[in-house]
Amino acid sequence: MKQVLAFGDSNTWGLVPASAGERYPADVRWTGRLQKELESRGIRILEDGVCGRTTVYEDPVRPGLRGIDDIARYAGTENLDAVILMLGTNDCKAAFHAAPEEIGRGLEQCLDRFENLVPPERILVCSPLRLGEDVWRPDKDPAFDRQSVRVCEALREIYRGIAARRGNSFLAASDYAAASPADEEHMDPEGHARFAAAVREALRALL
């Protein structure tokens, strides 16, 4: 059976918008939908989504969420056939003051690690959802600010260029799903369904 790693943050984990840590069931979140649809083709989806995960930035309030550190657990894995990589939303938080280009360099450090495990053409780079214009408000997620919205929007073209230069596949999550109005940050069930369908089609070319 082929194994595909889905490596990301809370939108990969399946966080219910505006909830206190509630997770969508497997048949709702995009990773679970993929598993159900691809199982007959002998493909297994390995879910590795962590709420708050960044590419390389250490959160001063919630340490231990650097994606680049978590990739180490897959070192020596010989039966990984492809990787879906979707990070960057949390890198846009005000605490990091990161420009889009700097976040792109963080993504590339993660790609350097993953390309030791699978060929670059078997990595699907996904730029994150656009943050809503009011995501930074106190009743939503004040870890972001107005600039975070602009930075996140710019990641689409930054990531597209990185993927093209390195020979990775690319998909923009914002082409298929939007952040829920409830928190302006996370996908609702419809978004998970649409994103799952887009990733499924992208994987056809990878496997």
Protein backbone atom coordinates (compact mmCIF):
# COMPACT_ATOMS: atom_id res chain seq x y z
CA MET A 1 0.00 0.00 0.00
CA LYS A 2 1.30 3.46 -0.94
CA GLN A 3 1.60 5.95 1.91
CA VAL A 4 1.01 9.69 1.56
CA LEU A 5 1.88 12.02 4.44
CA ALA A 6 -0.40 15.02 5.00
CA PHE A 7 1.75 17.41 7.05
CA GLY A 8 0.21 20.66 8.24
CA ASP A 9 -1.42 22.67 10.98
CA SER A 10 -4.96 23.00 12.37
CA ASN A 11 -6.58 22.95 8.93
CA THR A 12 -4.95 19.55 8.39
CA TRP A 13 -5.85 18.39 11.91
CA GLY A 14 -9.46 19.40 11.23
CA LEU A 15 -10.20 22.08 13.82
CA VAL A 16 -13.85 23.15 13.89
CA PRO A 17 -13.99 26.94 13.34
CA ALA A 18 -14.46 29.02 16.50
CA SER A 19 -14.50 25.91 18.70
CA ALA A 20 -12.51 25.20 21.85
CA GLY A 21 -10.36 22.54 20.23
CA GLU A 22 -13.16 20.47 18.68
CA ARG A 23 -12.10 18.29 15.75
CA TYR A 24 -14.16 17.35 12.72
CA PRO A 25 -14.73 13.59 12.40
CA ALA A 26 -12.72 11.67 9.83
CA ASP A 27 -15.55 11.63 7.29
CA VAL A 28 -15.65 15.45 7.30
CA ARG A 29 -12.02 16.59 7.39
CA TRP A 30 -10.17 16.62 4.07
CA THR A 31 -7.60 14.03 5.09
CA GLY A 32 -10.29 11.55 6.11
CA ARG A 33 -12.21 12.14 2.89
CA LEU A 34 -9.04 11.46 0.92
CA GLN A 35 -8.47 8.24 2.82
CA LYS A 36 -11.97 7.01 2.06
CA GLU A 37 -11.76 7.93 -1.63
CA LEU A 38 -8.25 6.58 -2.26
CA GLU A 39 -8.28 3.42 -0.15
CA SER A 40 -9.56 1.37 -3.10
CA ARG A 41 -6.47 2.48 -5.05
CA GLY A 42 -4.19 1.12 -2.34
CA ILE A 43 -3.30 4.54 -0.91
CA ARG A 44 -3.10 5.30 2.80
CA ILE A 45 -3.17 8.88 4.09
CA LEU A 46 -0.98 9.52 7.13
CA GLU A 47 -2.47 12.46 9.03
CA ASP A 48 0.03 14.74 10.77
CA GLY A 49 -1.71 18.00 11.52
CA VAL A 50 -0.81 19.99 14.65
CA CYS A 51 -2.68 23.08 15.78
CA GLY A 52 -0.38 26.10 15.85
CA ARG A 53 2.40 24.45 13.83
CA THR A 54 4.75 26.78 11.95
CA THR A 55 7.47 26.11 9.41
CA VAL A 56 10.50 27.15 11.49
CA TYR A 57 9.28 29.79 13.96
CA GLU A 58 9.25 29.11 17.71
CA ASP A 59 6.08 30.43 19.29
CA PRO A 60 7.07 32.25 22.52
CA VAL A 61 3.77 31.27 24.17
CA ARG A 62 3.32 27.76 22.75
CA PRO A 63 6.80 26.24 22.26
CA GLY A 64 7.48 23.01 20.41
CA LEU A 65 5.43 23.72 17.30
CA ARG A 66 8.16 24.07 14.68
CA GLY A 67 7.29 21.84 11.75
CA ILE A 68 10.91 21.45 10.74
CA ASP A 69 11.60 19.71 14.06
CA ASP A 70 8.68 17.31 13.62
CA ILE A 71 9.92 16.16 10.21
CA ALA A 72 12.83 14.44 11.96
CA ARG A 73 10.52 11.66 13.14
CA TYR A 74 10.23 10.49 9.53
CA ALA A 75 13.99 10.16 9.03
CA GLY A 76 14.78 6.67 7.84
CA THR A 77 11.24 6.09 6.61
CA GLU A 78 11.54 4.01 3.47
CA ASN A 79 7.90 3.49 2.60
CA LEU A 80 6.75 7.10 2.22
CA ASP A 81 5.56 7.66 -1.35
CA ALA A 82 4.42 11.31 -1.34
CA VAL A 83 4.00 14.34 0.92
CA ILE A 84 1.28 16.97 1.06
CA LEU A 85 2.77 20.02 2.80
CA MET A 86 0.49 22.86 3.92
CA LEU A 87 2.02 25.28 6.43
CA GLY A 88 2.32 29.04 6.72
CA THR A 89 -0.83 30.33 8.39
CA ASN A 90 0.70 30.43 11.87
CA ASP A 91 3.91 31.96 10.51
CA CYS A 92 1.80 35.03 9.73
CA LYS A 93 1.13 35.76 13.41
CA ALA A 94 2.10 39.20 14.66
CA ALA A 95 4.67 37.81 17.11
CA PHE A 96 6.95 36.70 14.27
CA HIS A 97 6.90 39.90 12.18
CA ALA A 98 7.73 37.70 9.19
CA ALA A 99 7.61 38.92 5.61
CA PRO A 100 6.16 36.53 2.99
CA GLU A 101 9.62 35.89 1.58
CA GLU A 102 10.93 34.90 5.02
CA ILE A 103 8.07 32.45 5.48
CA GLY A 104 8.93 31.08 2.06
CA ARG A 105 12.48 30.43 3.24
CA GLY A 106 11.05 28.58 6.22
CA LEU A 107 8.98 26.45 3.87
CA GLU A 108 12.10 25.67 1.86
CA GLN A 109 13.89 24.43 4.97
CA CYS A 110 11.01 22.00 5.49
CA LEU A 111 11.21 20.98 1.84
CA ASP A 112 14.94 20.34 2.19
CA ARG A 113 14.14 17.80 4.91
CA PHE A 114 11.29 16.15 3.05
CA GLU A 115 13.30 15.89 -0.16
CA ASN A 116 15.67 13.60 1.72
CA LEU A 117 12.70 11.23 2.05
CA VAL A 118 10.83 11.51 -1.25
CA PRO A 119 11.68 12.94 -4.70
CA PRO A 120 10.71 16.62 -5.13
CA GLU A 121 8.14 15.77 -7.79
CA ARG A 122 6.23 13.73 -5.20
CA ILE A 123 5.74 16.67 -2.86
CA LEU A 124 2.55 18.70 -3.17
CA VAL A 125 3.11 22.21 -1.79
CA CYS A 126 -0.15 23.86 -0.71
CA SER A 127 -0.36 27.54 0.08
CA PRO A 128 -2.73 28.12 3.02
CA LEU A 129 -6.22 29.57 3.10
CA ARG A 130 -6.49 33.33 2.97
CA LEU A 131 -7.13 34.77 6.40
CA GLY A 132 -10.32 36.80 6.71
CA GLU A 133 -10.03 40.58 6.88
CA ASP A 134 -11.17 40.64 10.52
CA VAL A 135 -9.36 37.54 11.81
CA TRP A 136 -7.30 39.70 14.17
CA ARG A 137 -10.28 40.97 16.20
CA PRO A 138 -10.48 40.00 19.90
CA ASP A 139 -13.47 37.70 19.34
CA LYS A 140 -11.55 35.74 16.68
CA ASP A 141 -7.76 35.31 16.80
CA PRO A 142 -5.86 38.33 18.14
CA ALA A 143 -2.56 36.51 17.61
CA PHE A 144 -2.89 37.93 14.09
CA ASP A 145 -3.00 41.57 13.06
CA ARG A 146 -4.01 43.45 9.92
CA GLN A 147 -0.60 42.87 8.37
CA SER A 148 -1.00 39.11 8.88
CA VAL A 149 -3.85 39.14 6.37
CA ARG A 150 -1.66 40.75 3.69
CA VAL A 151 1.26 38.44 4.42
CA CYS A 152 -0.89 35.31 4.22
CA GLU A 153 -2.40 36.41 0.91
CA ALA A 154 1.09 36.89 -0.56
CA LEU A 155 2.13 33.32 0.28
CA ARG A 156 0.20 31.95 -2.68
CA GLU A 157 2.60 33.36 -5.26
CA ILE A 158 5.66 32.91 -3.04
CA TYR A 159 4.89 29.20 -2.66
CA ARG A 160 4.00 28.82 -6.33
CA GLY A 161 7.41 30.15 -7.30
CA ILE A 162 9.22 27.94 -4.80
CA ALA A 163 7.43 24.82 -6.02
CA ALA A 164 8.13 25.65 -9.67
CA ARG A 165 11.83 26.24 -9.01
CA ARG A 166 12.28 23.07 -6.96
CA GLY A 167 10.16 20.77 -9.12
CA ASN A 168 7.36 20.28 -6.60
CA SER A 169 3.66 20.21 -7.43
CA PHE A 170 1.60 23.17 -6.25
CA LEU A 171 -1.98 23.81 -5.18
CA ALA A 172 -3.47 26.95 -3.64
CA ALA A 173 -5.96 26.02 -0.92
CA SER A 174 -7.67 29.38 -1.38
CA ASP A 175 -8.66 28.40 -4.93
CA TYR A 176 -10.95 25.74 -3.50
CA ALA A 177 -11.87 26.71 0.06
CA ALA A 178 -12.41 29.82 2.14
CA ALA A 179 -11.99 30.46 5.83
CA SER A 180 -15.24 30.16 7.76
CA PRO A 181 -16.86 33.47 8.76
CA ALA A 182 -17.02 32.03 12.29
CA ASP A 183 -13.30 32.58 12.88
CA GLU A 184 -11.92 33.67 9.46
CA GLU A 185 -9.14 31.12 9.77
CA HIS A 186 -10.40 27.53 9.43
CA MET A 187 -12.29 25.52 6.83
CA ASP A 188 -15.93 24.54 7.26
CA PRO A 189 -17.21 21.12 6.07
CA GLU A 190 -17.84 22.38 2.53
CA GLY A 191 -14.30 23.72 2.38
CA HIS A 192 -12.89 20.40 3.53
CA ALA A 193 -14.89 18.59 0.82
CA ARG A 194 -13.76 20.92 -1.96
CA PHE A 195 -10.14 20.89 -0.85
CA ALA A 196 -10.14 17.10 -0.59
CA ALA A 197 -11.39 16.85 -4.17
CA ALA A 198 -8.65 19.19 -5.40
CA VAL A 199 -5.91 17.30 -3.57
CA ARG A 200 -7.24 13.99 -4.86
CA GLU A 201 -6.88 15.20 -8.45
CA ALA A 202 -3.40 16.57 -7.75
CA LEU A 203 -2.30 13.22 -6.33
CA ARG A 204 -3.24 11.46 -9.56
CA ALA A 205 -0.21 13.08 -11.18
CA LEU A 206 2.07 12.24 -8.25
CA LEU A 207 1.35 8.54 -7.78
